[in-house]
Amino acid sequence: MERNAELRDFLRTRRARITPEQAGVQPHPGPRRVPGLRREEVAYLAGVSADYYGRLEQGRHLNISD
């Protein structure tokens, strides 16, 4: 479980460091509740579903294949 916590912390801190403009993402209109990118934006850039990325960032137990 500790590996999941390490991954969660890593993803959260990195996501907070970059703005949509820096990542080349068109920001959604309206106020942002988080500093940096939204989960959906990171998932889009990574080519994974927003649900899958959310599970990664929340540190849920995942069965990742080799």
C-alpha atoms as a PDB file:
ATOM      1  CA  MET A   1       0.000   0.000   0.000  1.00  0.00           C
ATOM      2  CA  GLU A   2       2.933   2.335   0.612  1.00  0.00           C
ATOM      3  CA  ARG A   3       3.881   2.277  -3.081  1.00  0.00           C
ATOM      4  CA  ASN A   4       0.390   3.529  -3.898  1.00  0.00           C
ATOM      5  CA  ALA A   5       0.823   6.404  -1.435  1.00  0.00           C
ATOM      6  CA  GLU A   6       4.161   7.328  -2.969  1.00  0.00           C
ATOM      7  CA  LEU A   7       2.670   7.296  -6.464  1.00  0.00           C
ATOM      8  CA  ARG A   8      -0.326   9.331  -5.289  1.00  0.00           C
ATOM      9  CA  ASP A   9       1.876  11.996  -3.714  1.00  0.00           C
ATOM     10  CA  PHE A  10       4.136  12.134  -6.757  1.00  0.00           C
ATOM     11  CA  LEU A  11       1.241  12.586  -9.186  1.00  0.00           C
ATOM     12  CA  ARG A  12      -0.486  15.231  -7.077  1.00  0.00           C
ATOM     13  CA  THR A  13       2.610  17.352  -6.603  1.00  0.00           C
ATOM     14  CA  ARG A  14       3.592  17.190 -10.269  1.00  0.00           C
ATOM     15  CA  ARG A  15       0.067  18.010 -11.446  1.00  0.00           C
ATOM     16  CA  ALA A  16      -0.010  21.091  -9.215  1.00  0.00           C
ATOM     17  CA  ARG A  17       3.271  22.419 -10.660  1.00  0.00           C
ATOM     18  CA  ILE A  18       2.179  22.891 -14.267  1.00  0.00           C
ATOM     19  CA  THR A  19      -0.438  25.231 -15.708  1.00  0.00           C
ATOM     20  CA  PRO A  20      -2.718  24.359 -18.624  1.00  0.00           C
ATOM     21  CA  GLU A  21      -0.876  26.922 -20.727  1.00  0.00           C
ATOM     22  CA  GLN A  22       2.494  25.269 -20.012  1.00  0.00           C
ATOM     23  CA  ALA A  23       1.049  21.869 -20.963  1.00  0.00           C
ATOM     24  CA  GLY A  24      -0.549  23.190 -24.137  1.00  0.00           C
ATOM     25  CA  VAL A  25      -4.077  22.461 -22.940  1.00  0.00           C
ATOM     26  CA  GLN A  26      -6.962  24.814 -23.642  1.00  0.00           C
ATOM     27  CA  PRO A  27      -8.196  25.757 -20.131  1.00  0.00           C
ATOM     28  CA  HIS A  28     -11.887  25.347 -19.390  1.00  0.00           C
ATOM     29  CA  PRO A  29     -13.749  28.579 -18.721  1.00  0.00           C
ATOM     30  CA  GLY A  30     -14.486  29.569 -15.163  1.00  0.00           C
ATOM     31  CA  PRO A  31     -12.545  29.474 -11.918  1.00  0.00           C
ATOM     32  CA  ARG A  32     -10.143  26.650 -11.183  1.00  0.00           C
ATOM     33  CA  ARG A  33     -10.428  24.923  -7.825  1.00  0.00           C
ATOM     34  CA  VAL A  34      -6.944  23.432  -7.998  1.00  0.00           C
ATOM     35  CA  PRO A  35      -3.546  24.899  -8.759  1.00  0.00           C
ATOM     36  CA  GLY A  36      -2.163  23.464 -11.968  1.00  0.00           C
ATOM     37  CA  LEU A  37      -3.821  20.890 -14.166  1.00  0.00           C
ATOM     38  CA  ARG A  38      -7.097  19.121 -13.510  1.00  0.00           C
ATOM     39  CA  ARG A  39      -7.120  15.326 -13.385  1.00  0.00           C
ATOM     40  CA  GLU A  40      -9.059  15.180 -16.628  1.00  0.00           C
ATOM     41  CA  GLU A  41      -6.422  17.289 -18.354  1.00  0.00           C
ATOM     42  CA  VAL A  42      -3.572  15.052 -17.167  1.00  0.00           C
ATOM     43  CA  ALA A  43      -5.497  11.949 -18.227  1.00  0.00           C
ATOM     44  CA  TYR A  44      -6.053  13.437 -21.681  1.00  0.00           C
ATOM     45  CA  LEU A  45      -2.356  14.262 -22.052  1.00  0.00           C
ATOM     46  CA  ALA A  46      -1.345  10.792 -20.821  1.00  0.00           C
ATOM     47  CA  GLY A  47      -3.793   8.983 -23.088  1.00  0.00           C
ATOM     48  CA  VAL A  48      -5.662   7.231 -20.285  1.00  0.00           C
ATOM     49  CA  SER A  49      -9.193   7.545 -19.001  1.00  0.00           C
ATOM     50  CA  ALA A  50      -9.961  10.153 -16.375  1.00  0.00           C
ATOM     51  CA  ASP A  51     -11.337   7.376 -14.162  1.00  0.00           C
ATOM     52  CA  TYR A  52      -8.106   5.380 -14.366  1.00  0.00           C
ATOM     53  CA  TYR A  53      -5.953   8.430 -13.650  1.00  0.00           C
ATOM     54  CA  GLY A  54      -8.211   9.337 -10.724  1.00  0.00           C
ATOM     55  CA  ARG A  55      -7.726   5.876  -9.237  1.00  0.00           C
ATOM     56  CA  LEU A  56      -3.955   6.201  -9.636  1.00  0.00           C
ATOM     57  CA  GLU A  57      -3.895   9.571  -7.938  1.00  0.00           C
ATOM     58  CA  GLN A  58      -6.167   8.473  -5.117  1.00  0.00           C
ATOM     59  CA  GLY A  59      -3.767   5.643  -4.321  1.00  0.00           C
ATOM     60  CA  ARG A  60      -6.319   2.905  -4.826  1.00  0.00           C
ATOM     61  CA  HIS A  61      -5.021  -0.631  -5.193  1.00  0.00           C
ATOM     62  CA  LEU A  62      -4.353  -1.266  -8.863  1.00  0.00           C
ATOM     63  CA  ASN A  63      -3.397  -4.340 -10.807  1.00  0.00           C
ATOM     64  CA  ILE A  64      -1.034  -2.951 -13.411  1.00  0.00           C
ATOM     65  CA  SER A  65       0.146  -5.388 -16.057  1.00  0.00           C
ATOM     66  CA  ASP A  66       3.758  -5.616 -17.154  1.00  0.00           C
END
